[in-house]
């Protein structure tokens, strides 16, 4: 690795003000809508930690770390030579990674740099076996007094590799070193897009996690906290509009900005996210043709039960094992989430039963659907899909599914962003009774049914009625009926 390559990616080594001219940060400053992810507040740089940041491609991980670098240098007065960034697109071997970092240490030492170093490595999962290179530096003591922040776009490979590194647990301070950066939640979307609305809703969305959890628990006992009614009811129409737009842009910064500026999302923006996924699939040895077939089936069957065999048969894919491999790949790339049925008598997941599959974000759903079905106008098709009652209802259920995963993760933070054991769905054997979602939390079963309509028939609620309590998420209906709370979706999402 030549010294000039290090300087190209770290121009602040020679000119501290150059950090303000970084292309990613300049793009951020020029955007109408600027998002500051909440996870930024959850990093500590005072010990030799190895952090990972995982999440979908193009969600803003690189911009986040560049922003952190600027803060370390400009706000905290750290010597610029103590902060190192490198994008690992062109490296392939663990030895190259170790050599890169050693060259940085050597370069900074020549200038008499002392004290803690901050090393940011972007898209670390591009290097197979990267942990071997980093482990060598840690084992030999060369990486002492350094905090590492590594980013990647795969849910497991970076986490599993990081677990093989020494001394990175941090349990004594209850620090979760493996961070997840997903698109904005609905509450973050409001905070980012509309400061005035966010200020009005602050008594609710500004609550501490513990208080929000208390309000949520009360809902399953048939009680609605006044905070969940008072402020949201004052802004009901504005929340409706925000929710409608959220179902087009999702929580991803680029489409959000384009929609805010132009009133539509450019076709090229859909292509950017699509091409990123296709590139990942290719790296993992998966066929674009089969991926397209699987994704088309998932978009058509979203919110309904689906069997792996049925996807294989309707697409003439040779084996259900092949379909499983592609679904696992898509889930690992943060594109879809799979939900399993649960046996409520023992809390066990029914792995072989039909499943439900949702996309992780509204924008990603529209991008994948447009690609899989051959649409030429992704934004127009998204508008048309959401204009139909059934389409919008499906989008809302999809958004709730992802928010429940985020809720589950927030309740029990860990290095593995998995919900399969904690957020499930229920279907009574021999009956057509079904409950959209069950949150399983420390022996408790918290049922949630989604009815995004104002015409709710009791016959449609037999499943949740059979469980004795539950939360029914509606379009606008707000009431308590025994131990069942009917709550507008737009209010519920503010809690997550």
Protein backbone atom coordinates (compact mmCIF):
# COMPACT_ATOMS: atom_id res chain seq x y z
CA UNK A 1 0.00 0.00 0.00
CA UNK A 2 1.61 3.23 -1.18
CA UNK A 3 1.71 6.25 1.13
CA UNK A 4 -0.08 8.38 -1.44
CA UNK A 5 -3.10 6.05 -1.27
CA UNK A 6 -3.30 6.59 2.47
CA UNK A 7 -3.14 10.34 1.98
CA UNK A 8 -5.77 10.29 -0.77
CA UNK A 9 -8.36 8.85 1.60
CA UNK A 10 -7.10 10.86 4.58
CA UNK A 11 -6.40 14.38 3.24
CA UNK A 12 -6.75 15.82 6.76
CA UNK A 13 -3.29 14.39 7.52
CA UNK A 14 -1.87 17.39 5.64
CA UNK A 15 -4.71 19.89 5.92
CA UNK A 16 -7.11 19.70 8.86
CA UNK A 17 -9.72 21.82 7.06
CA UNK A 18 -9.96 19.26 4.24
CA UNK A 19 -12.36 17.16 6.30
CA UNK A 20 -15.00 19.80 5.58
CA UNK A 21 -14.46 19.28 1.84
CA UNK A 22 -14.99 15.53 1.99
CA UNK A 23 -17.39 14.60 -0.88
CA UNK A 24 -19.73 12.57 1.35
CA UNK A 25 -19.97 15.33 3.94
CA UNK A 26 -20.46 18.00 1.29
CA UNK A 27 -23.32 15.96 -0.17
CA UNK A 28 -24.81 15.77 3.31
CA UNK A 29 -24.54 19.52 3.82
CA UNK A 30 -26.15 20.19 0.44
CA UNK A 31 -29.11 17.96 1.14
CA UNK A 32 -32.42 19.52 2.05
CA UNK A 33 -33.06 16.76 4.60
CA UNK A 34 -30.21 15.87 6.95
CA UNK A 35 -30.45 12.72 9.06
CA UNK A 36 -28.38 12.15 12.17
CA UNK A 37 -28.79 8.45 13.03
CA UNK A 38 -29.51 7.80 16.68
CA UNK A 39 -26.84 5.12 16.94
CA UNK A 40 -24.16 7.80 16.68
CA UNK A 41 -24.73 8.55 20.35
CA UNK A 42 -23.85 4.99 21.37
CA UNK A 43 -20.12 4.84 20.74
CA UNK A 44 -17.37 5.16 23.35
CA UNK A 45 -13.82 5.74 22.21
CA UNK A 46 -11.97 5.55 25.52
CA UNK A 47 -10.96 1.86 25.30
CA UNK A 48 -9.57 -0.53 22.72
CA UNK A 49 -12.93 -1.61 21.35
CA UNK A 50 -13.63 -3.11 17.93
CA UNK A 51 -17.03 -1.83 16.83
CA UNK A 52 -18.96 -3.05 13.82
CA UNK A 53 -21.72 -1.17 12.02
CA UNK A 54 -23.93 -3.34 9.82
CA UNK A 55 -26.93 -2.48 7.71
CA UNK A 56 -28.24 -2.26 4.14
CA UNK A 57 -26.08 -0.74 1.46
CA UNK A 58 -26.69 2.93 0.64
CA UNK A 59 -28.34 3.58 4.00
CA UNK A 60 -25.65 6.09 5.03
CA UNK A 61 -23.00 4.13 6.95
CA UNK A 62 -20.10 5.83 5.15
CA UNK A 63 -21.57 9.28 5.75
CA UNK A 64 -22.05 8.39 9.41
CA UNK A 65 -18.40 7.44 9.93
CA UNK A 66 -17.17 10.48 7.99
CA UNK A 67 -19.33 12.65 10.24
CA UNK A 68 -17.84 10.94 13.29
CA UNK A 69 -14.34 11.61 11.94
CA UNK A 70 -15.11 15.29 11.48
CA UNK A 71 -16.42 15.49 15.02
CA UNK A 72 -13.35 13.78 16.49
CA UNK A 73 -10.99 16.13 14.66
CA UNK A 74 -12.91 19.41 14.70
CA UNK A 75 -14.95 19.23 17.89
CA UNK A 76 -12.66 17.22 20.16
CA UNK A 77 -9.37 18.70 19.00
CA UNK A 78 -7.74 15.33 18.28
CA UNK A 79 -4.57 15.35 16.17
CA UNK A 80 -5.77 14.57 12.60
CA UNK A 81 -3.01 11.98 12.21
CA UNK A 82 -4.68 9.98 14.97
CA UNK A 83 -7.75 9.40 12.80
CA UNK A 84 -7.49 6.97 9.90
CA UNK A 85 -10.14 6.05 7.32
CA UNK A 86 -9.96 3.57 4.45
CA UNK A 87 -12.52 2.13 2.04
CA UNK A 88 -11.66 -1.51 1.42
CA UNK A 89 -13.18 -1.88 -2.03
CA UNK A 90 -9.89 -2.87 -3.67
CA UNK A 91 -8.26 -5.04 -1.00
CA UNK A 92 -8.77 -8.79 -1.07
CA UNK A 93 -6.57 -10.52 1.51
CA UNK A 94 -6.19 -10.33 5.31
CA UNK A 95 -2.46 -9.76 4.86
CA UNK A 96 -3.20 -6.65 2.80
CA UNK A 97 -5.41 -5.34 5.60
CA UNK A 98 -2.71 -5.89 8.22
CA UNK A 99 -0.14 -4.23 5.96
CA UNK A 100 -2.46 -1.24 5.40
CA UNK A 101 -2.89 -0.58 9.11
CA UNK A 102 0.80 -1.11 9.87
CA UNK A 103 1.68 1.44 7.19
CA UNK A 104 -0.70 3.89 8.80
CA UNK A 105 0.90 3.31 12.22
CA UNK A 106 4.33 3.79 10.66
CA UNK A 107 3.29 6.99 8.88
CA UNK A 108 1.76 8.55 12.00
CA UNK A 109 4.75 7.52 14.13
CA UNK A 110 7.11 9.38 11.76
CA UNK A 111 5.27 12.57 12.69
CA UNK A 112 5.59 11.84 16.40
CA UNK A 113 1.92 10.97 16.93
CA UNK A 114 1.13 9.69 20.40
CA UNK A 115 -2.07 8.81 22.17
CA UNK A 116 -5.22 6.99 21.11
CA UNK A 117 -5.86 6.25 17.44
CA UNK A 118 -9.23 5.94 15.72
CA UNK A 119 -9.31 3.57 12.75
CA UNK A 120 -12.36 3.48 10.46
CA UNK A 121 -12.49 0.63 7.91
CA UNK A 122 -15.36 0.86 5.42
CA UNK A 123 -16.96 -2.29 3.92
CA UNK A 124 -14.69 -4.64 5.84
CA UNK A 125 -16.67 -7.69 4.65
CA UNK A 126 -15.20 -7.21 1.15
CA UNK A 127 -12.11 -8.99 2.56
CA UNK A 128 -12.70 -12.67 3.21
CA UNK A 129 -11.09 -13.61 6.50
CA UNK A 130 -10.43 -9.98 7.42
CA UNK A 131 -10.44 -10.83 11.13
CA UNK A 132 -7.16 -12.74 10.67
CA UNK A 133 -5.37 -9.55 9.63
CA UNK A 134 -6.81 -7.58 12.54
CA UNK A 135 -6.21 -10.40 15.02
CA UNK A 136 -2.52 -10.45 14.08
CA UNK A 137 -2.19 -6.76 14.95
CA UNK A 138 -4.06 -7.19 18.24
CA UNK A 139 -2.14 -10.30 19.28
CA UNK A 140 1.22 -8.67 18.59
CA UNK A 141 0.26 -5.55 20.54
CA UNK A 142 0.59 -3.30 17.48
CA UNK A 143 -3.08 -2.28 17.72
CA UNK A 144 -2.93 -1.19 21.35
CA UNK A 145 -4.47 2.18 22.23
CA UNK A 146 -6.68 1.97 19.13
CA UNK A 147 -10.43 1.87 18.69
CA UNK A 148 -11.66 0.29 15.44
CA UNK A 149 -14.96 1.05 13.72
CA UNK A 150 -15.76 -1.39 10.91
CA UNK A 151 -18.70 -1.18 8.52
CA UNK A 152 -20.32 -3.91 6.45
CA UNK A 153 -23.50 -4.73 4.57
CA UNK A 154 -24.05 -8.35 5.55
CA UNK A 155 -25.91 -9.38 8.70
CA UNK A 156 -23.70 -12.29 9.73
CA UNK A 157 -20.27 -12.40 8.11
CA UNK A 158 -18.89 -9.30 9.83
CA UNK A 159 -20.46 -10.24 13.18
CA UNK A 160 -19.22 -13.85 13.13
CA UNK A 161 -15.74 -12.78 12.10
CA UNK A 162 -15.60 -10.08 14.78
CA UNK A 163 -16.52 -12.60 17.47
CA UNK A 164 -13.26 -14.42 16.74
CA UNK A 165 -11.26 -11.35 17.77
CA UNK A 166 -9.76 -11.19 21.28
CA UNK A 167 -10.90 -8.77 23.93
CA UNK A 168 -13.97 -7.22 22.32
CA UNK A 169 -16.83 -8.20 24.60
CA UNK A 170 -17.20 -5.10 26.76
CA UNK A 171 -19.84 -6.74 28.97
CA UNK A 172 -18.52 -5.06 32.08
CA UNK A 173 -19.92 -1.77 30.81
CA UNK A 174 -22.91 -3.30 29.06
CA UNK A 175 -21.61 -2.09 25.71
CA UNK A 176 -22.99 -3.60 22.52
CA UNK A 177 -20.09 -3.48 20.11
CA UNK A 178 -22.03 -4.73 17.08
CA UNK A 179 -24.22 -1.86 15.94
CA UNK A 180 -27.08 -2.07 13.46
CA UNK A 181 -27.83 0.89 11.19
CA UNK A 182 -31.19 0.43 9.54
CA UNK A 183 -33.26 3.02 7.63
CA UNK A 184 -35.12 5.60 9.70
CA UNK A 185 -38.02 4.47 11.82
CA UNK A 186 -41.23 6.48 11.46
CA UNK A 187 -40.46 8.57 14.55
CA UNK A 188 -36.95 9.36 13.21
CA UNK A 189 -38.51 10.19 9.85
CA UNK A 190 -40.70 12.83 11.50
CA UNK A 191 -37.80 14.19 13.57
CA UNK A 192 -35.70 14.53 10.42
CA UNK A 193 -38.28 15.93 8.02
CA UNK A 194 -40.45 18.19 10.16
CA UNK A 195 -38.86 19.87 13.17
CA UNK A 196 -42.07 21.69 14.10
CA UNK A 197 -44.14 18.51 14.06
CA UNK A 198 -41.43 16.69 16.00
CA UNK A 199 -41.44 19.47 18.59
CA UNK A 200 -45.20 19.13 19.00
CA UNK A 201 -44.87 15.39 19.44
CA UNK A 202 -41.84 15.64 21.73
CA UNK A 203 -43.80 14.71 24.90
CA UNK A 204 -44.29 11.28 23.31
CA UNK A 205 -41.41 10.56 20.92
CA UNK A 206 -38.92 12.15 23.31
CA UNK A 207 -39.69 9.72 26.11
CA UNK A 208 -37.02 7.42 27.49
CA UNK A 209 -37.09 3.83 26.29
CA UNK A 210 -38.27 2.55 29.68
CA UNK A 211 -41.31 4.87 29.71
CA UNK A 212 -42.24 3.94 26.15
CA UNK A 213 -42.07 0.28 27.11
CA UNK A 214 -44.37 0.96 30.06
CA UNK A 215 -46.92 2.64 27.76
CA UNK A 216 -46.69 -0.31 25.37
CA UNK A 217 -47.25 -2.85 28.15
CA UNK A 218 -50.34 -0.99 29.30
CA UNK A 219 -51.85 -1.37 25.83
CA UNK A 220 -51.91 -5.12 26.28
CA UNK A 221 -53.77 -4.69 29.53
CA UNK A 222 -56.48 -2.63 27.85
CA UNK A 223 -55.21 0.79 28.91
CA UNK A 224 -54.21 3.73 26.70
CA UNK A 225 -51.81 6.20 28.28
CA UNK A 226 -52.97 9.82 27.78
CA UNK A 227 -49.60 10.67 26.20
CA UNK A 228 -50.46 8.31 23.35
CA UNK A 229 -53.66 10.23 22.63
CA UNK A 230 -53.16 13.89 23.51
CA UNK A 231 -50.32 15.07 21.26
CA UNK A 232 -50.84 12.64 18.35
CA UNK A 233 -54.55 13.53 18.11
CA UNK A 234 -53.61 17.20 17.67
CA UNK A 235 -51.54 16.32 14.61
CA UNK A 236 -53.60 13.46 13.18
CA UNK A 237 -53.89 14.84 9.65
CA UNK A 238 -50.20 15.72 9.47
CA UNK A 239 -49.31 12.23 10.67
CA UNK A 240 -51.51 10.74 7.95
CA UNK A 241 -49.61 12.70 5.30
CA UNK A 242 -46.24 11.72 6.75
CA UNK A 243 -47.22 8.06 6.87
CA UNK A 244 -48.40 8.20 3.26
CA UNK A 245 -45.06 9.65 2.12
CA UNK A 246 -43.11 7.25 4.31
CA UNK A 247 -44.70 4.37 2.40
CA UNK A 248 -43.08 5.73 -0.78
CA UNK A 249 -39.63 6.82 0.38
CA UNK A 250 -39.11 4.52 3.30
CA UNK A 251 -36.48 5.65 5.77
CA UNK A 252 -33.56 5.93 3.32
CA UNK A 253 -31.97 9.40 2.96
CA UNK A 254 -31.54 9.63 -0.83
CA UNK A 255 -35.16 8.88 -1.87
CA UNK A 256 -36.41 11.00 1.03
CA UNK A 257 -34.42 13.98 -0.22
CA UNK A 258 -35.46 13.52 -3.84
CA UNK A 259 -39.13 13.27 -2.93
CA UNK A 260 -38.88 16.37 -0.71
CA UNK A 261 -37.13 18.35 -3.46
CA UNK A 262 -38.80 17.12 -6.66
CA UNK A 263 -42.03 15.47 -5.52
CA UNK A 264 -40.90 12.15 -7.01
CA UNK A 265 -38.03 9.67 -6.87
CA UNK A 266 -35.77 9.33 -9.89
CA UNK A 267 -35.53 6.04 -11.73
CA UNK A 268 -31.76 6.07 -11.29
CA UNK A 269 -32.14 6.06 -7.52
CA UNK A 270 -34.05 2.79 -7.63
CA UNK A 271 -31.25 1.41 -9.84
CA UNK A 272 -28.55 2.37 -7.34
CA UNK A 273 -30.08 0.22 -4.62
CA UNK A 274 -30.89 -2.58 -7.02
CA UNK A 275 -27.37 -2.71 -8.43
CA UNK A 276 -25.91 -2.79 -4.92
CA UNK A 277 -27.99 -5.86 -4.11
CA UNK A 278 -27.18 -7.60 -7.40
CA UNK A 279 -23.49 -6.99 -6.74
CA UNK A 280 -23.76 -8.62 -3.32
CA UNK A 281 -25.69 -11.60 -4.71
CA UNK A 282 -23.01 -12.10 -7.34
CA UNK A 283 -20.27 -12.03 -4.68
CA UNK A 284 -22.11 -14.76 -2.79
CA UNK A 285 -22.44 -16.92 -5.91
CA UNK A 286 -26.20 -16.37 -6.33
CA UNK A 287 -27.89 -16.04 -9.71
CA UNK A 288 -29.57 -12.75 -10.62
CA UNK A 289 -32.22 -14.66 -12.60
CA UNK A 290 -33.24 -16.88 -9.68
CA UNK A 291 -33.11 -13.95 -7.26
CA UNK A 292 -35.53 -12.05 -9.48
CA UNK A 293 -37.95 -14.99 -9.52
CA UNK A 294 -37.83 -15.38 -5.75
CA UNK A 295 -38.29 -11.66 -5.16
CA UNK A 296 -41.27 -11.53 -7.53
CA UNK A 297 -42.98 -14.29 -5.54
CA UNK A 298 -42.25 -12.54 -2.26
CA UNK A 299 -43.68 -9.22 -3.47
CA UNK A 300 -46.85 -10.97 -4.66
CA UNK A 301 -47.35 -12.93 -1.44
CA UNK A 302 -46.27 -10.35 1.14
CA UNK A 303 -48.50 -10.36 4.27
CA UNK A 304 -49.82 -13.87 3.44
CA UNK A 305 -48.43 -17.25 4.43
CA UNK A 306 -46.12 -18.80 1.89
CA UNK A 307 -44.38 -22.15 1.62
CA UNK A 308 -40.85 -22.52 0.30
CA UNK A 309 -42.03 -25.40 -1.92
CA UNK A 310 -44.68 -23.22 -3.57
CA UNK A 311 -42.08 -20.58 -4.50
CA UNK A 312 -39.88 -23.32 -5.97
CA UNK A 313 -42.71 -24.88 -7.99
CA UNK A 314 -44.23 -21.73 -9.44
CA UNK A 315 -40.82 -20.56 -10.62
CA UNK A 316 -39.61 -23.99 -11.74
CA UNK A 317 -36.67 -23.75 -9.37
CA UNK A 318 -35.24 -27.22 -8.93
CA UNK A 319 -35.23 -27.48 -5.14
CA UNK A 320 -36.78 -25.83 -2.13
CA UNK A 321 -33.24 -25.79 -0.70
CA UNK A 322 -32.27 -23.40 -3.49
CA UNK A 323 -35.13 -21.07 -2.58
CA UNK A 324 -34.08 -21.21 1.08
CA UNK A 325 -30.52 -20.28 0.13
CA UNK A 326 -31.75 -17.21 -1.78
CA UNK A 327 -34.11 -16.14 0.99
CA UNK A 328 -31.30 -16.47 3.51
CA UNK A 329 -29.05 -14.38 1.25
CA UNK A 330 -31.69 -11.66 0.90
CA UNK A 331 -32.29 -11.62 4.64
CA UNK A 332 -28.56 -11.43 5.35
CA UNK A 333 -28.41 -8.43 3.01
CA UNK A 334 -31.11 -6.67 5.10
CA UNK A 335 -33.59 -6.81 2.20
CA UNK A 336 -36.27 -9.10 3.65
CA UNK A 337 -37.40 -10.40 7.03
CA UNK A 338 -38.86 -13.88 7.52
CA UNK A 339 -41.43 -14.55 10.24
CA UNK A 340 -42.17 -18.02 11.57
CA UNK A 341 -45.28 -19.55 13.10
CA UNK A 342 -45.09 -20.28 16.81
CA UNK A 343 -46.58 -22.97 19.00
CA UNK A 344 -48.02 -20.88 21.84
CA UNK A 345 -48.19 -23.89 24.17
CA UNK A 346 -44.41 -24.11 24.39
CA UNK A 347 -43.13 -21.00 22.59
CA UNK A 348 -41.28 -23.02 19.97
CA UNK A 349 -40.86 -21.88 16.40
CA UNK A 350 -42.36 -24.09 13.67
CA UNK A 351 -39.52 -23.98 11.18
CA UNK A 352 -41.18 -26.26 8.62
CA UNK A 353 -44.56 -24.53 8.53
CA UNK A 354 -45.57 -21.78 6.10
CA UNK A 355 -43.87 -18.46 6.73
CA UNK A 356 -44.51 -14.78 6.19
CA UNK A 357 -41.94 -12.66 4.38
CA UNK A 358 -41.78 -8.87 4.42
CA UNK A 359 -39.35 -6.36 2.96
CA UNK A 360 -37.35 -4.31 5.44
CA UNK A 361 -38.28 -0.88 4.09
CA UNK A 362 -41.03 0.58 1.85
CA UNK A 363 -38.59 2.02 -0.68
CA UNK A 364 -36.75 -1.29 -0.96
CA UNK A 365 -40.06 -3.06 -1.56
CA UNK A 366 -40.93 -0.75 -4.44
CA UNK A 367 -37.43 -1.00 -5.92
CA UNK A 368 -37.39 -4.79 -5.77
CA UNK A 369 -40.97 -5.12 -7.05
CA UNK A 370 -40.26 -2.85 -10.00
CA UNK A 371 -37.17 -4.86 -10.94
CA UNK A 372 -38.76 -8.29 -10.50
CA UNK A 373 -41.85 -7.45 -12.53
CA UNK A 374 -40.15 -5.43 -15.25
CA UNK A 375 -41.84 -2.08 -14.60
CA UNK A 376 -40.35 0.90 -16.43
CA UNK A 377 -41.59 3.62 -14.09
CA UNK A 378 -40.81 2.54 -10.51
CA UNK A 379 -42.11 5.69 -8.86
CA UNK A 380 -45.34 5.71 -10.88
CA UNK A 381 -45.92 2.06 -10.05
CA UNK A 382 -45.24 2.74 -6.37
CA UNK A 383 -47.80 5.56 -6.35
CA UNK A 384 -50.36 3.35 -8.06
CA UNK A 385 -49.72 0.43 -5.69
CA UNK A 386 -50.09 2.59 -2.58
CA UNK A 387 -53.25 4.25 -3.92
CA UNK A 388 -55.12 0.95 -3.69
CA UNK A 389 -56.56 0.14 -0.27
CA UNK A 390 -55.09 -3.34 -0.30
CA UNK A 391 -51.70 -2.05 -1.40
CA UNK A 392 -51.51 0.58 1.32
CA UNK A 393 -52.71 -1.92 3.91
CA UNK A 394 -49.92 -4.31 2.89
CA UNK A 395 -47.35 -1.52 3.08
CA UNK A 396 -48.50 -0.56 6.57
CA UNK A 397 -48.29 -4.17 7.77
CA UNK A 398 -44.80 -4.40 6.30
CA UNK A 399 -43.71 -1.23 8.13
CA UNK A 400 -45.12 -2.58 11.38
CA UNK A 401 -43.22 -5.85 10.90
CA UNK A 402 -39.92 -3.99 10.67
CA UNK A 403 -40.72 -1.70 13.59
CA UNK A 404 -41.54 -4.73 15.74
CA UNK A 405 -38.13 -6.19 14.94
CA UNK A 406 -36.56 -2.89 15.99
CA UNK A 407 -38.65 -2.99 19.16
CA UNK A 408 -37.52 -6.55 19.90
CA UNK A 409 -33.88 -5.59 19.36
CA UNK A 410 -34.28 -2.53 21.59
CA UNK A 411 -35.76 -4.69 24.35
CA UNK A 412 -32.84 -7.13 24.19
CA UNK A 413 -29.85 -5.53 22.42
CA UNK A 414 -27.28 -8.02 21.19
CA UNK A 415 -24.72 -8.48 18.47
CA UNK A 416 -27.12 -10.59 16.42
CA UNK A 417 -29.94 -8.62 14.78
CA UNK A 418 -32.37 -11.55 14.72
CA UNK A 419 -36.04 -11.62 15.59
CA UNK A 420 -37.03 -15.18 14.70
CA UNK A 421 -37.48 -16.30 18.30
CA UNK A 422 -39.08 -13.08 19.53
CA UNK A 423 -41.44 -11.78 16.83
CA UNK A 424 -43.61 -14.45 15.22
CA UNK A 425 -47.16 -15.04 14.00
CA UNK A 426 -49.85 -17.47 15.09
CA UNK A 427 -52.30 -19.72 13.27
CA UNK A 428 -54.60 -22.03 15.22
CA UNK A 429 -54.33 -25.63 14.10
CA UNK A 430 -57.41 -26.81 12.22
CA UNK A 431 -58.87 -23.30 12.11
CA UNK A 432 -58.53 -20.27 9.88
CA UNK A 433 -57.79 -18.13 12.90
CA UNK A 434 -54.61 -16.14 12.59
CA UNK A 435 -52.84 -13.33 14.45
CA UNK A 436 -50.50 -11.17 12.41
CA UNK A 437 -47.75 -10.80 15.02
CA UNK A 438 -46.85 -12.14 18.44
CA UNK A 439 -44.12 -10.53 20.52
CA UNK A 440 -42.61 -13.16 22.82
CA UNK A 441 -40.97 -11.47 25.77
CA UNK A 442 -39.78 -13.31 28.89
CA UNK A 443 -42.67 -15.77 28.87
CA UNK A 444 -45.27 -13.18 27.91
CA UNK A 445 -47.24 -13.31 24.66
CA UNK A 446 -48.20 -9.92 23.24
CA UNK A 447 -50.57 -10.32 20.25
CA UNK A 448 -50.90 -7.66 17.54
CA UNK A 449 -53.44 -7.66 14.70
CA UNK A 450 -53.24 -5.14 11.83
CA UNK A 451 -56.51 -3.88 10.36
CA UNK A 452 -55.69 -0.75 8.41
CA UNK A 453 -59.31 0.13 7.81
CA UNK A 454 -62.15 1.84 9.64
CA UNK A 455 -64.60 -0.95 8.84
CA UNK A 456 -63.47 -3.71 11.19
CA UNK A 457 -65.59 -6.85 11.45
CA UNK A 458 -65.46 -8.86 14.65
CA UNK A 459 -65.29 -12.04 12.58
CA UNK A 460 -61.89 -10.85 11.31
CA UNK A 461 -60.61 -10.72 14.88
CA UNK A 462 -61.39 -14.28 15.98
CA UNK A 463 -57.70 -15.12 16.19
CA UNK A 464 -56.74 -12.35 18.58
CA UNK A 465 -59.98 -12.74 20.55
CA UNK A 466 -59.02 -16.36 21.07
CA UNK A 467 -55.86 -15.27 22.90
CA UNK A 468 -57.73 -13.25 25.51
CA UNK A 469 -56.04 -9.90 24.97
CA UNK A 470 -54.20 -7.92 22.34
CA UNK A 471 -53.57 -4.77 20.36
CA UNK A 472 -55.52 -4.05 17.17
CA UNK A 473 -53.80 -1.51 14.91
CA UNK A 474 -56.24 0.46 12.77
CA UNK A 475 -56.42 3.34 10.35
CA UNK A 476 -58.22 5.78 12.67
CA UNK A 477 -60.26 3.75 15.18
CA UNK A 478 -59.29 4.51 18.77
CA UNK A 479 -61.12 2.72 21.57
CA UNK A 480 -60.87 0.15 24.35
CA UNK A 481 -63.02 -2.98 24.29
CA UNK A 482 -62.38 -5.11 27.39
CA UNK A 483 -58.66 -6.02 27.21
CA UNK A 484 -58.40 -5.08 23.54
CA UNK A 485 -57.10 -1.69 22.49
CA UNK A 486 -57.90 -0.36 19.02
CA UNK A 487 -55.13 2.09 18.16
CA UNK A 488 -54.27 4.01 14.97
CA UNK A 489 -51.08 2.75 13.33
CA UNK A 490 -49.66 6.28 13.14
CA UNK A 491 -49.82 6.54 16.95
CA UNK A 492 -48.28 3.13 17.54
CA UNK A 493 -45.29 3.73 15.28
CA UNK A 494 -44.35 6.81 17.31
CA UNK A 495 -43.69 4.52 20.27
CA UNK A 496 -41.02 2.46 18.53
